[in-house]
């Protein structure tokens, strides 16, 4: 649940170039620090954060100018073309790297994604962490969520649930459904935060309302068991059905359980077995095992 994501939208706001360069120039004159030090952090939306980052001497770039910004967006789009249309992951990684090295947050996230999953490049969690972090520090919600996943799973970094929660929360507050479900899971399991089912429901709901199938299923489970909400079989059925409508195997599995046990619907073993078969066809291992025990084929 709550996996990692590529970002597909452009990350650069070209209309901000004039203002950003003016700001960088003024900060350079004010502090005596080379202008490129400030150009590296122009994407931060918070002026105070910009000032704080700059004063600490973080993030340096070379030859960062208007042309570089335009080039970065061009390279990013070319990477998307190879990734999504041509399915040439080695080539997409090449273009994402060119954009990422110019500071493009979306490209940094996507290059991290390819390193994490070994797509077109050798699988390397350390490099994935490096690029996700660069994107995350530019407030890219996909990078924030993906970095949180690596901290949660202890891949490329020591496992640290609190650090995972920090990044999930940043992504979730920006409306990222991946960050929302992952933050909900941390509250659900009490990892990095005190266990709090109400808070879990809150974040599951936000992701579910955006159409995230796994979050819809998780929200259904909360209603089914009365965790963080009043038990409500009708609500559970509603959310499991939404998951199933998207082809989610867990949605079919949970609908089958409700039918078999008569939770909110008439008890109907025949209907339950039909739903178990649908779950099995979607790859649900427990459904396949159960049907085998009952002598029912699922193929």
Protein backbone atom coordinates (compact mmCIF):
# COMPACT_ATOMS: atom_id res chain seq x y z
CA UNK A 1 0.00 0.00 0.00
CA UNK A 2 1.03 3.57 -0.52
CA UNK A 3 3.68 3.04 -3.16
CA UNK A 4 5.95 5.46 -4.95
CA UNK A 5 5.09 7.70 -7.85
CA UNK A 6 6.39 9.41 -10.91
CA UNK A 7 5.46 13.04 -11.38
CA UNK A 8 4.17 13.96 -14.81
CA UNK A 9 3.43 17.64 -14.60
CA UNK A 10 5.94 20.43 -15.27
CA UNK A 11 7.69 21.79 -12.21
CA UNK A 12 8.96 25.11 -13.50
CA UNK A 13 7.04 28.37 -13.27
CA UNK A 14 8.58 30.36 -16.11
CA UNK A 15 6.54 33.45 -15.24
CA UNK A 16 8.48 33.64 -11.98
CA UNK A 17 11.88 33.90 -13.62
CA UNK A 18 12.17 37.68 -13.56
CA UNK A 19 11.10 37.95 -9.94
CA UNK A 20 13.31 35.06 -8.87
CA UNK A 21 16.40 36.41 -10.55
CA UNK A 22 15.79 39.83 -9.05
CA UNK A 23 15.51 38.23 -5.62
CA UNK A 24 18.70 36.21 -6.14
CA UNK A 25 20.56 39.30 -7.28
CA UNK A 26 19.43 41.33 -4.29
CA UNK A 27 20.38 38.56 -1.84
CA UNK A 28 23.76 38.24 -3.48
CA UNK A 29 24.41 41.96 -3.12
CA UNK A 30 23.15 41.91 0.47
CA UNK A 31 25.31 39.05 1.70
CA UNK A 32 28.24 38.97 -0.69
CA UNK A 33 27.41 35.34 -1.50
CA UNK A 34 27.65 34.33 -5.18
CA UNK A 35 24.33 34.69 -6.96
CA UNK A 36 24.11 31.02 -8.09
CA UNK A 37 23.85 29.96 -4.42
CA UNK A 38 20.47 31.67 -4.31
CA UNK A 39 19.29 30.66 -7.75
CA UNK A 40 19.38 27.06 -6.58
CA UNK A 41 16.55 27.66 -4.12
CA UNK A 42 14.25 29.86 -6.19
CA UNK A 43 11.50 27.22 -6.23
CA UNK A 44 10.78 27.54 -2.52
CA UNK A 45 7.41 29.27 -2.06
CA UNK A 46 8.24 30.61 1.38
CA UNK A 47 10.46 33.76 1.36
CA UNK A 48 11.64 33.08 4.90
CA UNK A 49 12.54 29.53 3.95
CA UNK A 50 14.49 30.87 0.99
CA UNK A 51 16.42 33.20 3.26
CA UNK A 52 17.08 30.47 5.83
CA UNK A 53 18.31 28.03 3.22
CA UNK A 54 20.53 30.60 1.61
CA UNK A 55 22.02 31.75 4.91
CA UNK A 56 23.04 28.17 5.69
CA UNK A 57 24.85 27.91 2.37
CA UNK A 58 22.78 24.97 1.12
CA UNK A 59 22.25 23.94 -2.49
CA UNK A 60 24.81 25.32 -4.93
CA UNK A 61 24.46 25.29 -8.69
CA UNK A 62 26.59 26.38 -11.61
CA UNK A 63 25.62 28.52 -14.57
CA UNK A 64 21.97 28.60 -13.52
CA UNK A 65 20.22 31.01 -15.87
CA UNK A 66 17.03 31.45 -17.82
CA UNK A 67 18.29 29.18 -20.54
CA UNK A 68 19.01 26.45 -18.01
CA UNK A 69 15.43 26.58 -16.74
CA UNK A 70 14.04 26.27 -20.24
CA UNK A 71 16.48 23.46 -21.03
CA UNK A 72 15.53 21.61 -17.86
CA UNK A 73 11.85 21.64 -18.77
CA UNK A 74 12.68 20.49 -22.29
CA UNK A 75 14.82 17.61 -20.99
CA UNK A 76 12.10 16.65 -18.50
CA UNK A 77 9.45 16.46 -21.21
CA UNK A 78 11.78 14.40 -23.38
CA UNK A 79 12.28 12.02 -20.46
CA UNK A 80 8.50 11.69 -20.09
CA UNK A 81 8.23 10.97 -23.80
CA UNK A 82 10.69 8.08 -23.57
CA UNK A 83 9.25 6.79 -20.30
CA UNK A 84 5.54 6.86 -21.06
CA UNK A 85 5.27 6.66 -24.84
CA UNK A 86 8.34 4.80 -26.03
CA UNK A 87 8.91 2.69 -22.90
CA UNK A 88 12.65 3.21 -23.28
CA UNK A 89 13.72 3.51 -19.66
CA UNK A 90 17.44 3.84 -20.28
CA UNK A 91 16.78 6.80 -22.55
CA UNK A 92 14.26 8.37 -20.16
CA UNK A 93 16.80 8.11 -17.33
CA UNK A 94 19.35 9.94 -19.50
CA UNK A 95 17.00 12.86 -20.09
CA UNK A 96 15.70 12.96 -16.54
CA UNK A 97 19.30 13.12 -15.33
CA UNK A 98 20.07 16.09 -17.55
CA UNK A 99 17.03 17.93 -16.17
CA UNK A 100 17.67 16.78 -12.61
CA UNK A 101 21.21 18.10 -12.65
CA UNK A 102 19.78 21.50 -13.58
CA UNK A 103 17.56 21.36 -10.49
CA UNK A 104 14.25 20.23 -12.01
CA UNK A 105 12.28 18.74 -9.09
CA UNK A 106 10.02 16.54 -11.20
CA UNK A 107 13.00 15.06 -13.02
CA UNK A 108 14.83 14.51 -9.73
CA UNK A 109 11.86 12.54 -8.41
CA UNK A 110 11.51 10.51 -11.59
CA UNK A 111 15.21 9.69 -11.74
CA UNK A 112 14.96 8.55 -8.13
CA UNK A 113 11.97 6.39 -9.07
CA UNK A 114 13.96 4.70 -11.83
CA UNK A 115 16.90 4.02 -9.50
CA UNK A 116 14.55 2.65 -6.85
CA UNK A 117 12.90 0.25 -9.26
CA UNK A 118 15.84 -0.56 -11.51
CA UNK A 119 14.19 0.86 -14.62
CA UNK A 120 16.78 1.64 -17.28
CA UNK A 121 19.45 1.95 -14.60
CA UNK A 122 20.80 -0.47 -11.99
CA UNK A 123 18.62 -0.62 -8.89
CA UNK A 124 20.32 1.59 -6.33
CA UNK A 125 18.49 2.75 -3.22
CA UNK A 126 21.26 5.15 -2.23
CA UNK A 127 20.89 7.02 -5.51
CA UNK A 128 17.11 6.87 -5.17
CA UNK A 129 17.40 8.53 -1.76
CA UNK A 130 19.72 11.17 -3.18
CA UNK A 131 17.35 12.22 -5.94
CA UNK A 132 14.14 11.88 -3.93
CA UNK A 133 15.69 14.10 -1.27
CA UNK A 134 16.64 16.77 -3.80
CA UNK A 135 13.06 16.78 -5.10
CA UNK A 136 11.58 16.68 -1.59
CA UNK A 137 13.63 19.64 -0.45
CA UNK A 138 12.11 21.62 -3.30
CA UNK A 139 8.63 20.81 -1.92
CA UNK A 140 7.86 18.28 -4.64
CA UNK A 141 5.12 16.12 -3.03
CA UNK A 142 6.02 13.01 -5.03
CA UNK A 143 9.62 13.26 -3.89
CA UNK A 144 8.49 13.81 -0.31
CA UNK A 145 6.24 10.75 -0.35
CA UNK A 146 8.85 8.59 -2.08
CA UNK A 147 11.55 9.64 0.38
CA UNK A 148 9.16 8.79 3.21
CA UNK A 149 8.62 5.32 1.74
CA UNK A 150 12.37 4.65 1.79
CA UNK A 151 12.65 5.80 5.41
CA UNK A 152 9.66 3.64 6.32
CA UNK A 153 11.10 0.58 4.62
CA UNK A 154 14.73 1.20 5.55
CA UNK A 155 16.00 1.13 1.98
CA UNK A 156 19.03 3.32 1.23
CA UNK A 157 18.70 4.83 4.72
CA UNK A 158 18.33 3.39 8.22
CA UNK A 159 14.67 2.66 8.95
CA UNK A 160 13.19 5.67 10.71
CA UNK A 161 9.42 5.88 11.13
CA UNK A 162 9.50 9.41 12.52
CA UNK A 163 11.42 10.65 9.53
CA UNK A 164 8.99 8.77 7.27
CA UNK A 165 6.05 10.47 8.98
CA UNK A 166 7.69 13.87 8.53
CA UNK A 167 7.92 13.44 4.77
CA UNK A 168 4.53 11.76 4.40
CA UNK A 169 2.94 14.67 6.25
CA UNK A 170 4.60 17.22 4.00
CA UNK A 171 3.30 15.41 0.92
CA UNK A 172 -0.14 14.83 2.43
CA UNK A 173 -0.60 18.49 3.29
CA UNK A 174 0.05 19.33 -0.34
CA UNK A 175 -2.83 17.05 -1.30
CA UNK A 176 -0.77 14.12 -2.54
CA UNK A 177 -2.88 10.96 -2.21
CA UNK A 178 0.18 8.76 -1.79
CA UNK A 179 1.37 10.83 1.13
CA UNK A 180 -2.14 10.82 2.60
CA UNK A 181 -2.59 7.05 2.57
CA UNK A 182 0.94 6.51 3.88
CA UNK A 183 0.41 8.96 6.71
CA UNK A 184 -2.86 7.19 7.47
CA UNK A 185 -1.03 3.86 7.61
CA UNK A 186 1.49 5.24 10.09
CA UNK A 187 -1.32 6.36 12.39
CA UNK A 188 -3.16 3.07 11.84
CA UNK A 189 -0.10 1.03 12.83
CA UNK A 190 1.33 3.42 15.42
CA UNK A 191 4.65 3.72 13.63
CA UNK A 192 6.47 7.01 14.18
CA UNK A 193 3.36 8.44 15.81
CA UNK A 194 1.02 7.26 18.59
CA UNK A 195 -1.62 4.91 17.21
CA UNK A 196 -4.68 6.98 16.39
CA UNK A 197 -7.46 5.41 14.34
CA UNK A 198 -9.37 8.66 13.98
CA UNK A 199 -6.36 10.33 12.47
CA UNK A 200 -5.85 7.31 10.23
CA UNK A 201 -9.46 7.58 9.03
CA UNK A 202 -8.96 11.28 8.33
CA UNK A 203 -6.05 10.69 5.98
CA UNK A 204 -7.48 7.54 4.39
CA UNK A 205 -10.61 9.51 3.56
CA UNK A 206 -8.66 12.31 1.91
CA UNK A 207 -6.86 9.83 -0.34
CA UNK A 208 -10.02 7.77 -0.93
CA UNK A 209 -11.95 10.83 -2.06
CA UNK A 210 -9.26 11.38 -4.68
CA UNK A 211 -9.97 7.91 -6.04
CA UNK A 212 -7.02 6.06 -4.51
CA UNK A 213 -8.24 2.43 -4.55
CA UNK A 214 -6.08 1.18 -1.67
CA UNK A 215 -7.22 4.06 0.53
CA UNK A 216 -10.84 3.31 -0.33
CA UNK A 217 -10.29 -0.28 0.79
CA UNK A 218 -8.55 0.84 3.99
CA UNK A 219 -11.37 3.25 4.79
CA UNK A 220 -13.85 0.42 4.24
CA UNK A 221 -11.94 -1.72 6.75
CA UNK A 222 -12.16 1.05 9.33
CA UNK A 223 -15.94 1.21 8.90
CA UNK A 224 -16.23 -2.58 8.93
CA UNK A 225 -14.42 -2.86 12.26
CA UNK A 226 -15.49 0.42 13.86
CA UNK A 227 -11.94 1.69 14.16
CA UNK A 228 -11.85 5.47 14.46
CA UNK A 229 -15.46 5.65 13.27
CA UNK A 230 -18.80 4.18 14.29
CA UNK A 231 -19.16 0.74 12.73
CA UNK A 232 -21.20 1.11 9.57
CA UNK A 233 -21.59 -1.80 7.16
CA UNK A 234 -23.23 0.36 4.50
CA UNK A 235 -20.23 2.68 4.43
CA UNK A 236 -17.87 -0.30 4.40
CA UNK A 237 -19.73 -1.78 1.43
CA UNK A 238 -19.62 1.54 -0.38
CA UNK A 239 -15.87 1.90 -0.10
CA UNK A 240 -15.11 -1.76 -0.86
CA UNK A 241 -17.27 -1.46 -3.97
CA UNK A 242 -15.34 1.62 -5.08
CA UNK A 243 -12.11 -0.36 -4.73
CA UNK A 244 -13.56 -3.28 -6.66
CA UNK A 245 -14.83 -0.96 -9.38
CA UNK A 246 -11.19 -0.01 -10.01
CA UNK A 247 -10.20 -3.67 -10.20
CA UNK A 248 -8.73 -3.83 -6.71
CA UNK A 249 -8.51 -7.45 -5.54
CA UNK A 250 -8.93 -6.46 -1.88
CA UNK A 251 -12.24 -4.81 -2.73
CA UNK A 252 -13.61 -8.07 -4.13
CA UNK A 253 -12.16 -10.02 -1.19
CA UNK A 254 -13.82 -7.81 1.38
CA UNK A 255 -17.14 -7.76 -0.49
CA UNK A 256 -16.99 -11.56 -0.49
CA UNK A 257 -16.38 -11.65 3.25
CA UNK A 258 -19.35 -9.41 3.86
CA UNK A 259 -21.57 -11.57 1.67
CA UNK A 260 -20.38 -14.80 3.30
CA UNK A 261 -20.97 -13.46 6.81
CA UNK A 262 -24.10 -11.45 6.14
CA UNK A 263 -22.54 -8.15 7.17
CA UNK A 264 -24.83 -5.45 5.83
CA UNK A 265 -26.13 -7.77 3.09
CA UNK A 266 -28.07 -11.06 3.08
CA UNK A 267 -25.78 -14.03 3.79
CA UNK A 268 -25.07 -15.66 0.44
CA UNK A 269 -22.25 -18.18 0.10
CA UNK A 270 -22.80 -18.57 -3.65
CA UNK A 271 -22.39 -14.83 -4.17
CA UNK A 272 -19.41 -14.82 -1.85
CA UNK A 273 -17.67 -17.51 -3.89
CA UNK A 274 -18.27 -15.52 -7.07
CA UNK A 275 -16.61 -12.53 -5.47
CA UNK A 276 -13.74 -14.67 -4.15
CA UNK A 277 -13.19 -15.88 -7.72
CA UNK A 278 -13.06 -12.30 -8.96
CA UNK A 279 -10.51 -11.49 -6.26
CA UNK A 280 -8.48 -14.55 -7.20
CA UNK A 281 -8.44 -13.53 -10.86
CA UNK A 282 -7.00 -10.21 -9.76
CA UNK A 283 -4.17 -12.03 -8.00
CA UNK A 284 -5.46 -12.20 -4.41
CA UNK A 285 -3.49 -15.08 -2.85
CA UNK A 286 -5.82 -15.70 0.09
CA UNK A 287 -8.78 -15.92 -2.25
CA UNK A 288 -6.96 -18.48 -4.40
CA UNK A 289 -6.03 -20.54 -1.37
CA UNK A 290 -9.57 -20.44 0.01
CA UNK A 291 -11.12 -21.48 -3.29
CA UNK A 292 -8.64 -24.34 -3.63
CA UNK A 293 -9.68 -25.58 -0.17
CA UNK A 294 -13.30 -25.45 -1.30
CA UNK A 295 -12.57 -27.26 -4.54
CA UNK A 296 -13.53 -24.26 -6.65
CA UNK A 297 -11.53 -23.21 -9.70
CA UNK A 298 -10.88 -19.51 -10.15
CA UNK A 299 -9.46 -19.42 -13.66
